[in-house]
N, C-alpha and C. Protein backbone atom coordinates (compact mmCIF):
# COMPACT_ATOMS: atom_id res chain seq x y z
N MET A 1 84.30 49.28 49.87
CA MET A 1 84.85 48.22 49.12
C MET A 1 85.14 48.72 47.71
N ASN A 2 86.26 48.29 47.37
CA ASN A 2 86.65 48.75 46.05
C ASN A 2 86.19 47.75 45.01
N ASP A 3 86.49 48.10 43.82
CA ASP A 3 86.00 47.31 42.68
C ASP A 3 86.63 45.93 42.65
N ALA A 4 87.85 45.80 43.05
CA ALA A 4 88.53 44.52 43.01
C ALA A 4 87.91 43.58 44.02
N GLN A 5 87.58 44.11 45.17
CA GLN A 5 86.97 43.28 46.19
C GLN A 5 85.58 42.84 45.74
N ARG A 6 84.93 43.74 45.17
CA ARG A 6 83.58 43.41 44.69
C ARG A 6 83.67 42.33 43.62
N SER A 7 84.60 42.42 42.76
CA SER A 7 84.76 41.43 41.70
C SER A 7 85.10 40.08 42.30
N VAL A 8 85.95 40.05 43.29
CA VAL A 8 86.31 38.79 43.94
C VAL A 8 85.07 38.21 44.61
N GLU A 9 84.35 39.08 45.28
CA GLU A 9 83.12 38.65 45.95
C GLU A 9 82.17 38.04 44.91
N ARG A 10 82.08 38.68 43.85
CA ARG A 10 81.17 38.24 42.79
C ARG A 10 81.62 36.89 42.25
N ILE A 11 82.92 36.70 42.11
CA ILE A 11 83.47 35.45 41.60
C ILE A 11 83.17 34.34 42.60
N HIS A 12 83.27 34.63 43.92
CA HIS A 12 82.96 33.63 44.94
C HIS A 12 81.49 33.22 44.88
N GLN A 13 80.66 34.19 44.69
CA GLN A 13 79.22 33.90 44.59
C GLN A 13 78.95 33.01 43.37
N LEU A 14 79.57 33.38 42.27
CA LEU A 14 79.36 32.60 41.04
C LEU A 14 79.92 31.20 41.22
N SER A 15 81.03 31.08 41.91
CA SER A 15 81.64 29.79 42.16
C SER A 15 80.72 28.93 43.02
N ASP A 16 80.13 29.55 44.05
CA ASP A 16 79.18 28.82 44.91
C ASP A 16 77.96 28.34 44.10
N MET A 17 77.47 29.24 43.27
CA MET A 17 76.30 28.89 42.45
C MET A 17 76.65 27.76 41.48
N LEU A 18 77.85 27.83 40.91
CA LEU A 18 78.27 26.79 39.97
C LEU A 18 78.41 25.45 40.67
N GLN A 19 78.96 25.48 41.89
CA GLN A 19 79.10 24.25 42.65
C GLN A 19 77.72 23.68 42.99
N SER A 20 76.80 24.56 43.37
CA SER A 20 75.44 24.11 43.69
C SER A 20 74.77 23.51 42.46
N LEU A 21 74.98 24.17 41.33
CA LEU A 21 74.38 23.66 40.08
C LEU A 21 74.99 22.32 39.71
N MET A 22 76.28 22.15 39.95
CA MET A 22 76.93 20.88 39.62
C MET A 22 76.41 19.76 40.52
N GLN A 23 76.17 20.09 41.78
CA GLN A 23 75.61 19.08 42.68
C GLN A 23 74.21 18.68 42.21
N GLN A 24 73.43 19.70 41.85
CA GLN A 24 72.07 19.41 41.35
C GLN A 24 72.13 18.58 40.07
N ALA A 25 73.10 18.90 39.20
CA ALA A 25 73.25 18.15 37.95
C ALA A 25 73.63 16.71 38.26
N ALA A 26 74.48 16.50 39.27
CA ALA A 26 74.87 15.14 39.64
C ALA A 26 73.67 14.36 40.16
N VAL A 27 72.84 15.05 40.97
CA VAL A 27 71.63 14.39 41.48
C VAL A 27 70.70 14.03 40.32
N LEU A 28 70.55 14.98 39.42
CA LEU A 28 69.68 14.73 38.25
C LEU A 28 70.25 13.61 37.38
N GLN A 29 71.57 13.54 37.26
CA GLN A 29 72.19 12.47 36.47
C GLN A 29 71.92 11.12 37.11
N GLN A 30 72.00 11.07 38.45
CA GLN A 30 71.71 9.82 39.15
C GLN A 30 70.26 9.41 38.90
N LYS A 31 69.37 10.40 38.99
CA LYS A 31 67.95 10.10 38.74
C LYS A 31 67.74 9.64 37.31
N ALA A 32 68.43 10.27 36.37
CA ALA A 32 68.30 9.88 34.96
C ALA A 32 68.82 8.48 34.76
N ASP A 33 69.97 8.16 35.41
CA ASP A 33 70.51 6.81 35.29
C ASP A 33 69.54 5.78 35.88
N ALA A 34 68.95 6.13 37.02
CA ALA A 34 67.97 5.23 37.64
C ALA A 34 66.76 5.07 36.73
N SER A 35 66.36 6.16 36.10
CA SER A 35 65.21 6.11 35.19
C SER A 35 65.51 5.25 33.98
N VAL A 36 66.74 5.34 33.45
CA VAL A 36 67.13 4.50 32.31
C VAL A 36 67.10 3.04 32.71
N VAL A 37 67.60 2.74 33.91
CA VAL A 37 67.59 1.36 34.40
C VAL A 37 66.15 0.87 34.53
N GLN A 38 65.30 1.70 35.12
CA GLN A 38 63.88 1.31 35.26
C GLN A 38 63.23 1.13 33.89
N SER A 39 63.58 1.99 32.96
CA SER A 39 63.01 1.90 31.62
C SER A 39 63.43 0.60 30.96
N ARG A 40 64.72 0.23 31.14
CA ARG A 40 65.19 -1.04 30.57
C ARG A 40 64.46 -2.21 31.21
N GLN A 41 64.30 -2.14 32.52
CA GLN A 41 63.59 -3.21 33.23
C GLN A 41 62.14 -3.30 32.74
N ALA A 42 61.50 -2.16 32.59
CA ALA A 42 60.11 -2.14 32.12
C ALA A 42 60.02 -2.67 30.70
N SER A 43 61.01 -2.31 29.88
CA SER A 43 61.02 -2.79 28.49
C SER A 43 61.19 -4.30 28.46
N ASP A 44 62.09 -4.81 29.31
CA ASP A 44 62.28 -6.26 29.37
C ASP A 44 61.01 -6.94 29.86
N ALA A 45 60.38 -6.37 30.89
CA ALA A 45 59.13 -6.95 31.42
C ALA A 45 58.04 -6.92 30.35
N LEU A 46 58.01 -5.82 29.61
CA LEU A 46 57.00 -5.70 28.54
C LEU A 46 57.26 -6.73 27.46
N LYS A 47 58.54 -6.94 27.14
CA LYS A 47 58.88 -7.92 26.12
C LYS A 47 58.48 -9.31 26.58
N ARG A 48 58.81 -9.62 27.84
CA ARG A 48 58.43 -10.94 28.38
C ARG A 48 56.91 -11.09 28.38
N ALA A 49 56.21 -10.03 28.77
CA ALA A 49 54.74 -10.07 28.81
C ALA A 49 54.16 -10.21 27.40
N SER A 50 54.79 -9.53 26.44
CA SER A 50 54.27 -9.63 25.07
C SER A 50 54.52 -11.02 24.50
N ASP A 51 55.61 -11.68 24.94
CA ASP A 51 55.85 -13.05 24.49
C ASP A 51 54.77 -13.99 25.04
N ARG A 52 54.32 -13.73 26.25
CA ARG A 52 53.27 -14.56 26.86
C ARG A 52 51.87 -14.11 26.43
N LEU A 53 51.78 -12.96 25.82
CA LEU A 53 50.48 -12.34 25.53
C LEU A 53 49.56 -13.22 24.68
N PRO A 54 50.00 -13.82 23.59
CA PRO A 54 49.05 -14.63 22.81
C PRO A 54 48.39 -15.73 23.63
N LEU A 55 49.14 -16.36 24.50
CA LEU A 55 48.53 -17.39 25.33
C LEU A 55 47.54 -16.77 26.31
N THR A 56 47.93 -15.67 26.90
CA THR A 56 47.07 -15.01 27.88
C THR A 56 45.84 -14.42 27.20
N VAL A 57 46.07 -13.78 26.05
CA VAL A 57 44.94 -13.18 25.32
C VAL A 57 43.98 -14.26 24.85
N GLY A 58 44.51 -15.36 24.34
CA GLY A 58 43.64 -16.46 23.89
C GLY A 58 42.79 -16.98 25.03
N ALA A 59 43.43 -17.15 26.20
CA ALA A 59 42.67 -17.62 27.36
C ALA A 59 41.64 -16.58 27.77
N ALA A 60 42.03 -15.30 27.73
CA ALA A 60 41.10 -14.23 28.12
C ALA A 60 39.93 -14.16 27.13
N ILE A 61 40.26 -14.34 25.85
CA ILE A 61 39.19 -14.30 24.84
C ILE A 61 38.20 -15.42 25.08
N GLU A 62 38.73 -16.61 25.33
CA GLU A 62 37.83 -17.74 25.60
C GLU A 62 37.03 -17.49 26.86
N THR A 63 37.68 -16.92 27.87
CA THR A 63 37.00 -16.68 29.14
C THR A 63 35.93 -15.60 29.01
N VAL A 64 36.25 -14.54 28.27
CA VAL A 64 35.34 -13.40 28.21
C VAL A 64 34.37 -13.51 27.03
N LEU A 65 34.89 -13.86 25.87
CA LEU A 65 34.05 -13.82 24.67
C LEU A 65 33.07 -14.98 24.58
N GLU A 66 33.44 -16.14 25.07
CA GLU A 66 32.52 -17.27 24.96
C GLU A 66 31.20 -17.01 25.68
N PRO A 67 31.23 -16.54 26.93
CA PRO A 67 29.95 -16.22 27.58
C PRO A 67 29.22 -15.07 26.87
N ALA A 68 30.00 -14.10 26.37
CA ALA A 68 29.37 -12.99 25.66
C ALA A 68 28.69 -13.49 24.39
N ALA A 69 29.35 -14.40 23.68
CA ALA A 69 28.76 -14.97 22.46
C ALA A 69 27.51 -15.78 22.80
N GLU A 70 27.60 -16.56 23.88
CA GLU A 70 26.42 -17.33 24.29
C GLU A 70 25.27 -16.40 24.67
N LYS A 71 25.60 -15.32 25.36
CA LYS A 71 24.57 -14.35 25.75
C LYS A 71 23.94 -13.71 24.51
N ALA A 72 24.80 -13.32 23.55
CA ALA A 72 24.29 -12.71 22.31
C ALA A 72 23.44 -13.71 21.54
N ALA A 73 23.89 -14.97 21.48
CA ALA A 73 23.13 -16.00 20.78
C ALA A 73 21.78 -16.22 21.45
N ALA A 74 21.77 -16.22 22.78
CA ALA A 74 20.51 -16.38 23.52
C ALA A 74 19.58 -15.21 23.23
N LYS A 75 20.15 -14.00 23.20
CA LYS A 75 19.34 -12.82 22.89
C LYS A 75 18.75 -12.91 21.48
N MET A 76 19.61 -13.31 20.52
CA MET A 76 19.14 -13.44 19.14
C MET A 76 18.07 -14.51 19.03
N THR A 77 18.28 -15.63 19.73
CA THR A 77 17.30 -16.71 19.71
C THR A 77 15.97 -16.22 20.27
N ALA A 78 16.04 -15.48 21.37
CA ALA A 78 14.81 -14.95 21.97
C ALA A 78 14.13 -13.97 21.02
N THR A 79 14.94 -13.13 20.38
CA THR A 79 14.37 -12.16 19.43
C THR A 79 13.71 -12.87 18.26
N TRP A 80 14.40 -13.89 17.72
CA TRP A 80 13.82 -14.66 16.60
C TRP A 80 12.56 -15.39 17.05
N ALA A 81 12.58 -15.91 18.26
CA ALA A 81 11.38 -16.60 18.77
C ALA A 81 10.22 -15.62 18.88
N GLN A 82 10.50 -14.41 19.37
CA GLN A 82 9.44 -13.39 19.45
C GLN A 82 8.95 -13.02 18.06
N ALA A 83 9.89 -12.88 17.13
CA ALA A 83 9.50 -12.53 15.75
C ALA A 83 8.67 -13.65 15.14
N ASN A 84 9.06 -14.90 15.38
CA ASN A 84 8.28 -16.03 14.85
C ASN A 84 6.89 -16.07 15.47
N ALA A 85 6.81 -15.81 16.77
CA ALA A 85 5.50 -15.79 17.43
C ALA A 85 4.64 -14.67 16.87
N ALA A 86 5.25 -13.50 16.66
CA ALA A 86 4.50 -12.37 16.08
C ALA A 86 4.05 -12.70 14.67
N ALA A 87 4.92 -13.36 13.90
CA ALA A 87 4.56 -13.74 12.52
C ALA A 87 3.42 -14.76 12.53
N ALA A 88 3.49 -15.72 13.45
CA ALA A 88 2.42 -16.72 13.55
C ALA A 88 1.10 -16.04 13.92
N GLU A 89 1.17 -15.11 14.85
CA GLU A 89 -0.05 -14.38 15.26
C GLU A 89 -0.59 -13.56 14.09
N ALA A 90 0.31 -12.92 13.36
CA ALA A 90 -0.11 -12.13 12.20
C ALA A 90 -0.74 -13.03 11.14
N THR A 91 -0.17 -14.22 10.95
CA THR A 91 -0.73 -15.17 9.98
C THR A 91 -2.13 -15.59 10.41
N LYS A 92 -2.30 -15.87 11.70
CA LYS A 92 -3.64 -16.23 12.20
C LYS A 92 -4.63 -15.09 11.98
N THR A 93 -4.20 -13.89 12.33
CA THR A 93 -5.07 -12.72 12.17
C THR A 93 -5.43 -12.52 10.71
N PHE A 94 -4.44 -12.67 9.83
CA PHE A 94 -4.70 -12.51 8.39
C PHE A 94 -5.68 -13.57 7.90
N ALA A 95 -5.48 -14.82 8.33
CA ALA A 95 -6.37 -15.90 7.90
C ALA A 95 -7.80 -15.64 8.39
N ALA A 96 -7.92 -15.20 9.64
CA ALA A 96 -9.25 -14.90 10.18
C ALA A 96 -9.89 -13.75 9.41
N ALA A 97 -9.10 -12.73 9.13
CA ALA A 97 -9.63 -11.58 8.38
C ALA A 97 -10.02 -12.00 6.97
N GLN A 98 -9.21 -12.87 6.37
CA GLN A 98 -9.52 -13.34 5.02
C GLN A 98 -10.82 -14.14 5.01
N GLU A 99 -10.99 -15.01 6.00
CA GLU A 99 -12.23 -15.80 6.08
C GLU A 99 -13.42 -14.88 6.33
N LYS A 100 -13.23 -13.92 7.22
CA LYS A 100 -14.30 -12.97 7.51
C LYS A 100 -14.65 -12.18 6.26
N LEU A 101 -13.63 -11.79 5.50
CA LEU A 101 -13.85 -11.04 4.26
C LEU A 101 -14.62 -11.89 3.25
N GLN A 102 -14.28 -13.19 3.17
CA GLN A 102 -15.00 -14.06 2.25
C GLN A 102 -16.48 -14.13 2.63
N TRP A 103 -16.75 -14.26 3.92
CA TRP A 103 -18.15 -14.31 4.35
C TRP A 103 -18.84 -12.98 4.08
N LYS A 104 -18.13 -11.88 4.32
CA LYS A 104 -18.72 -10.57 4.04
C LYS A 104 -19.02 -10.42 2.56
N MET A 105 -18.06 -10.84 1.72
CA MET A 105 -18.27 -10.74 0.28
C MET A 105 -19.47 -11.60 -0.15
N LEU A 106 -19.58 -12.79 0.43
CA LEU A 106 -20.72 -13.65 0.13
C LEU A 106 -22.02 -12.99 0.58
N ALA A 107 -22.00 -12.39 1.76
CA ALA A 107 -23.19 -11.70 2.26
C ALA A 107 -23.55 -10.53 1.36
N TYR A 108 -22.54 -9.76 0.93
CA TYR A 108 -22.81 -8.64 0.02
C TYR A 108 -23.37 -9.13 -1.31
N ALA A 109 -22.79 -10.22 -1.82
CA ALA A 109 -23.26 -10.77 -3.10
C ALA A 109 -24.71 -11.25 -2.97
N CYS A 110 -25.01 -11.95 -1.87
CA CYS A 110 -26.38 -12.43 -1.66
C CYS A 110 -27.34 -11.26 -1.50
N THR A 111 -26.93 -10.26 -0.75
CA THR A 111 -27.78 -9.08 -0.56
C THR A 111 -28.01 -8.38 -1.88
N GLY A 112 -26.96 -8.25 -2.68
CA GLY A 112 -27.10 -7.61 -4.00
C GLY A 112 -28.02 -8.41 -4.90
N ALA A 113 -27.84 -9.74 -4.91
CA ALA A 113 -28.70 -10.59 -5.75
C ALA A 113 -30.15 -10.49 -5.29
N LEU A 114 -30.37 -10.48 -3.99
CA LEU A 114 -31.73 -10.35 -3.47
C LEU A 114 -32.33 -9.01 -3.87
N ALA A 115 -31.52 -7.96 -3.80
CA ALA A 115 -32.01 -6.63 -4.20
C ALA A 115 -32.39 -6.62 -5.68
N VAL A 116 -31.56 -7.26 -6.51
CA VAL A 116 -31.87 -7.32 -7.95
C VAL A 116 -33.17 -8.10 -8.18
N VAL A 117 -33.33 -9.22 -7.48
CA VAL A 117 -34.56 -10.02 -7.63
C VAL A 117 -35.78 -9.21 -7.20
N VAL A 118 -35.65 -8.50 -6.08
CA VAL A 118 -36.77 -7.67 -5.60
C VAL A 118 -37.09 -6.58 -6.61
N LEU A 119 -36.05 -5.94 -7.16
CA LEU A 119 -36.28 -4.89 -8.16
C LEU A 119 -36.95 -5.45 -9.41
N ILE A 120 -36.50 -6.61 -9.85
CA ILE A 120 -37.11 -7.23 -11.04
C ILE A 120 -38.56 -7.57 -10.75
N ALA A 121 -38.82 -8.14 -9.57
CA ALA A 121 -40.20 -8.50 -9.22
C ALA A 121 -41.07 -7.25 -9.14
N ALA A 122 -40.53 -6.17 -8.55
CA ALA A 122 -41.29 -4.93 -8.46
C ALA A 122 -41.55 -4.35 -9.85
N ALA A 123 -40.54 -4.40 -10.72
CA ALA A 123 -40.72 -3.89 -12.08
C ALA A 123 -41.75 -4.72 -12.83
N MET A 124 -41.69 -6.03 -12.66
CA MET A 124 -42.67 -6.90 -13.33
C MET A 124 -44.08 -6.62 -12.81
N ALA A 125 -44.18 -6.45 -11.50
CA ALA A 125 -45.50 -6.17 -10.92
C ALA A 125 -46.03 -4.83 -11.42
N TYR A 126 -45.12 -3.86 -11.56
CA TYR A 126 -45.55 -2.53 -12.01
C TYR A 126 -45.87 -2.53 -13.50
N LEU A 127 -45.05 -3.22 -14.28
CA LEU A 127 -45.21 -3.18 -15.74
C LEU A 127 -46.22 -4.19 -16.28
N SER A 128 -46.41 -5.29 -15.59
CA SER A 128 -47.34 -6.30 -16.13
C SER A 128 -48.79 -5.82 -15.95
N PRO A 129 -49.61 -6.10 -16.94
CA PRO A 129 -51.00 -5.63 -16.89
C PRO A 129 -51.82 -6.39 -15.84
N THR A 130 -52.82 -5.70 -15.33
CA THR A 130 -53.73 -6.34 -14.38
C THR A 130 -54.74 -7.18 -15.17
N GLU A 131 -55.55 -7.92 -14.45
CA GLU A 131 -56.57 -8.77 -15.09
C GLU A 131 -57.54 -7.92 -15.89
N ARG A 132 -57.93 -6.79 -15.35
CA ARG A 132 -58.86 -5.89 -16.06
C ARG A 132 -58.23 -5.36 -17.35
N GLU A 133 -56.92 -4.96 -17.25
CA GLU A 133 -56.23 -4.47 -18.44
C GLU A 133 -56.09 -5.57 -19.48
N LEU A 134 -55.84 -6.79 -19.03
CA LEU A 134 -55.75 -7.91 -19.97
C LEU A 134 -57.08 -8.12 -20.70
N LYS A 135 -58.20 -8.03 -19.97
CA LYS A 135 -59.51 -8.19 -20.62
C LYS A 135 -59.73 -7.08 -21.64
N GLU A 136 -59.34 -5.85 -21.29
CA GLU A 136 -59.50 -4.73 -22.22
C GLU A 136 -58.63 -4.93 -23.46
N LEU A 137 -57.37 -5.38 -23.24
CA LEU A 137 -56.48 -5.62 -24.38
C LEU A 137 -57.00 -6.74 -25.27
N ARG A 138 -57.57 -7.79 -24.66
CA ARG A 138 -58.13 -8.88 -25.46
C ARG A 138 -59.33 -8.40 -26.27
N ALA A 139 -60.16 -7.56 -25.64
CA ALA A 139 -61.32 -7.03 -26.37
C ALA A 139 -60.86 -6.14 -27.52
N GLU A 140 -59.85 -5.30 -27.29
CA GLU A 140 -59.33 -4.43 -28.35
C GLU A 140 -58.74 -5.27 -29.48
N ARG A 141 -58.04 -6.35 -29.09
CA ARG A 141 -57.48 -7.25 -30.10
C ARG A 141 -58.59 -7.86 -30.95
N GLN A 142 -59.65 -8.28 -30.32
CA GLN A 142 -60.78 -8.86 -31.07
C GLN A 142 -61.37 -7.84 -32.02
N THR A 143 -61.47 -6.60 -31.55
CA THR A 143 -62.01 -5.53 -32.40
C THR A 143 -61.09 -5.30 -33.59
N LEU A 144 -59.78 -5.27 -33.34
CA LEU A 144 -58.82 -5.06 -34.42
C LEU A 144 -58.86 -6.21 -35.42
N LEU A 145 -58.96 -7.43 -34.91
CA LEU A 145 -59.06 -8.59 -35.81
C LEU A 145 -60.33 -8.51 -36.66
N ALA A 146 -61.42 -8.10 -36.04
CA ALA A 146 -62.68 -7.97 -36.79
C ALA A 146 -62.55 -6.88 -37.85
N ASP A 147 -61.90 -5.75 -37.51
CA ASP A 147 -61.68 -4.67 -38.48
C ASP A 147 -60.80 -5.15 -39.62
N MET A 148 -59.78 -5.94 -39.29
CA MET A 148 -58.91 -6.45 -40.34
C MET A 148 -59.68 -7.37 -41.28
N ASP A 149 -60.53 -8.22 -40.72
CA ASP A 149 -61.35 -9.10 -41.57
C ASP A 149 -62.26 -8.29 -42.47
N ARG A 150 -62.88 -7.27 -41.89
CA ARG A 150 -63.79 -6.43 -42.68
C ARG A 150 -63.02 -5.73 -43.79
N LEU A 151 -61.82 -5.24 -43.47
CA LEU A 151 -61.02 -4.55 -44.48
C LEU A 151 -60.55 -5.52 -45.56
N ARG A 152 -60.20 -6.73 -45.18
CA ARG A 152 -59.79 -7.72 -46.17
C ARG A 152 -60.94 -8.01 -47.13
N LYS A 153 -62.14 -8.12 -46.58
CA LYS A 153 -63.29 -8.41 -47.42
C LYS A 153 -63.58 -7.24 -48.35
N ALA A 154 -63.31 -6.05 -47.85
CA ALA A 154 -63.59 -4.87 -48.67
C ALA A 154 -62.51 -4.66 -49.71
N GLY A 155 -61.39 -5.22 -49.62
CA GLY A 155 -60.31 -5.05 -50.60
C GLY A 155 -59.00 -5.43 -49.98
N ALA A 156 -58.79 -6.66 -49.83
CA ALA A 156 -57.62 -7.18 -49.11
C ALA A 156 -56.32 -6.71 -49.74
N GLY A 157 -55.38 -6.41 -48.91
CA GLY A 157 -54.05 -6.05 -49.37
C GLY A 157 -53.98 -4.69 -50.03
N LEU A 158 -54.80 -3.77 -49.63
CA LEU A 158 -54.77 -2.44 -50.21
C LEU A 158 -53.53 -1.68 -49.75
N GLU A 159 -53.06 -0.81 -50.64
CA GLU A 159 -51.91 0.02 -50.31
C GLU A 159 -52.41 1.27 -49.60
N VAL A 160 -51.97 1.48 -48.37
CA VAL A 160 -52.41 2.62 -47.58
C VAL A 160 -51.34 3.70 -47.68
N ALA A 161 -51.79 4.96 -47.81
CA ALA A 161 -50.85 6.08 -47.92
C ALA A 161 -51.49 7.32 -47.32
N GLN A 162 -50.73 8.41 -47.29
CA GLN A 162 -51.24 9.69 -46.80
C GLN A 162 -51.36 10.60 -48.02
N CYS A 163 -52.54 11.22 -48.17
CA CYS A 163 -52.71 12.15 -49.28
C CYS A 163 -53.40 13.41 -48.76
N THR A 164 -53.40 14.44 -49.56
CA THR A 164 -54.01 15.70 -49.15
C THR A 164 -55.31 15.89 -49.91
N HIS A 165 -56.38 16.17 -49.17
CA HIS A 165 -57.69 16.42 -49.79
C HIS A 165 -58.23 17.71 -49.21
N GLN A 166 -58.48 18.66 -50.05
CA GLN A 166 -58.97 19.98 -49.67
C GLN A 166 -58.01 20.63 -48.65
N GLY A 167 -56.69 20.44 -48.88
CA GLY A 167 -55.67 21.09 -48.06
C GLY A 167 -55.41 20.42 -46.73
N ARG A 168 -56.02 19.28 -46.47
CA ARG A 168 -55.81 18.58 -45.19
C ARG A 168 -55.28 17.18 -45.46
N PRO A 169 -54.35 16.68 -44.61
CA PRO A 169 -53.84 15.32 -44.83
C PRO A 169 -54.91 14.29 -44.48
N ARG A 170 -55.00 13.26 -45.32
CA ARG A 170 -55.99 12.20 -45.12
C ARG A 170 -55.33 10.85 -45.36
N THR A 171 -55.91 9.80 -44.77
CA THR A 171 -55.45 8.44 -45.03
C THR A 171 -56.15 7.97 -46.30
N CYS A 172 -55.35 7.40 -47.21
CA CYS A 172 -55.91 6.98 -48.50
C CYS A 172 -55.44 5.57 -48.80
N VAL A 173 -56.17 4.87 -49.68
CA VAL A 173 -55.77 3.54 -50.16
C VAL A 173 -55.90 3.53 -51.67
N ARG A 174 -55.07 2.75 -52.33
CA ARG A 174 -55.15 2.64 -53.78
C ARG A 174 -56.32 1.71 -54.12
N VAL A 175 -57.12 2.13 -55.08
CA VAL A 175 -58.32 1.35 -55.46
C VAL A 175 -58.44 1.31 -56.99
N ASP A 176 -59.47 0.69 -57.36
CA ASP A 176 -59.78 0.60 -58.79
C ASP A 176 -60.06 2.00 -59.33
N THR A 177 -59.47 2.33 -60.45
CA THR A 177 -59.64 3.67 -61.01
C THR A 177 -61.04 3.92 -61.52
N GLN A 178 -61.84 2.91 -61.65
CA GLN A 178 -63.21 3.07 -62.14
C GLN A 178 -64.19 3.36 -61.00
N SER A 179 -63.69 3.37 -59.77
CA SER A 179 -64.57 3.60 -58.62
C SER A 179 -65.07 5.04 -58.63
N PRO A 180 -66.37 5.24 -58.17
CA PRO A 180 -66.91 6.60 -58.17
C PRO A 180 -66.21 7.50 -57.13
N ARG A 181 -65.54 6.94 -56.16
CA ARG A 181 -64.88 7.77 -55.15
C ARG A 181 -63.38 7.89 -55.45
N PHE A 182 -63.00 7.63 -56.66
CA PHE A 182 -61.61 7.65 -57.08
C PHE A 182 -61.15 9.08 -57.26
N GLU A 183 -59.92 9.38 -56.77
CA GLU A 183 -59.37 10.72 -56.97
C GLU A 183 -57.85 10.62 -57.02
N GLY A 184 -57.27 10.87 -58.14
CA GLY A 184 -55.82 10.89 -58.31
C GLY A 184 -55.14 9.59 -57.95
N GLY A 185 -55.73 8.48 -58.21
CA GLY A 185 -55.10 7.21 -57.92
C GLY A 185 -55.40 6.68 -56.53
N TYR A 186 -56.13 7.46 -55.70
CA TYR A 186 -56.45 7.01 -54.34
C TYR A 186 -57.92 7.24 -54.07
N LEU A 187 -58.46 6.43 -53.15
CA LEU A 187 -59.85 6.55 -52.74
C LEU A 187 -59.87 7.16 -51.35
N LEU A 188 -60.68 8.16 -51.14
CA LEU A 188 -60.78 8.79 -49.83
C LEU A 188 -61.53 7.86 -48.89
N VAL A 189 -60.99 7.66 -47.70
CA VAL A 189 -61.64 6.83 -46.69
C VAL A 189 -62.16 7.79 -45.63
N PRO A 190 -63.47 7.81 -45.42
CA PRO A 190 -64.02 8.73 -44.42
C PRO A 190 -63.59 8.31 -43.01
N ALA A 191 -63.33 9.29 -42.15
CA ALA A 191 -62.95 9.01 -40.76
C ALA A 191 -64.16 8.56 -39.99
N ARG A 192 -64.04 7.75 -39.04
CA ARG A 192 -65.17 7.26 -38.24
C ARG A 192 -65.62 8.28 -37.27
């Protein structure tokens, strides 16, 4: 086959392919036209549905949301009722604890007061003199009173001081300067 025949053959093949492509394009055009028609129909249906939508949606909202709202309200009511019951129980528990605490505080106060009374009584018993000690103290008091009387008779209201005699401290009283036991303004009192 020569080149011219081959070229003709090639042209026939291309012509067949072009015809096949044109047929396919026609089929695709028909499908596209059908699709446009369907799209217009769907758009019209959507428009009609959207016009009815507020009525339908309102009815659906009432149908669906009203029971949901009632259910939520019932749940909230139950939750609040539980919370109120828990609060009432907590209030009771707090009141009982407060009363118990008051009684405990009263018991502690009474126990403390009793302990203080016992300590005071024990201190008084320990510190107060016995009957024998009281007799001894009374006898000592009588002796002191007798000594005071004797001293008053010997020179009432004498001034008592400390003085040094022969390098040792001694108790001294001021006396008459004419006394034979007079020394530097004081009279030596011998120790018993």
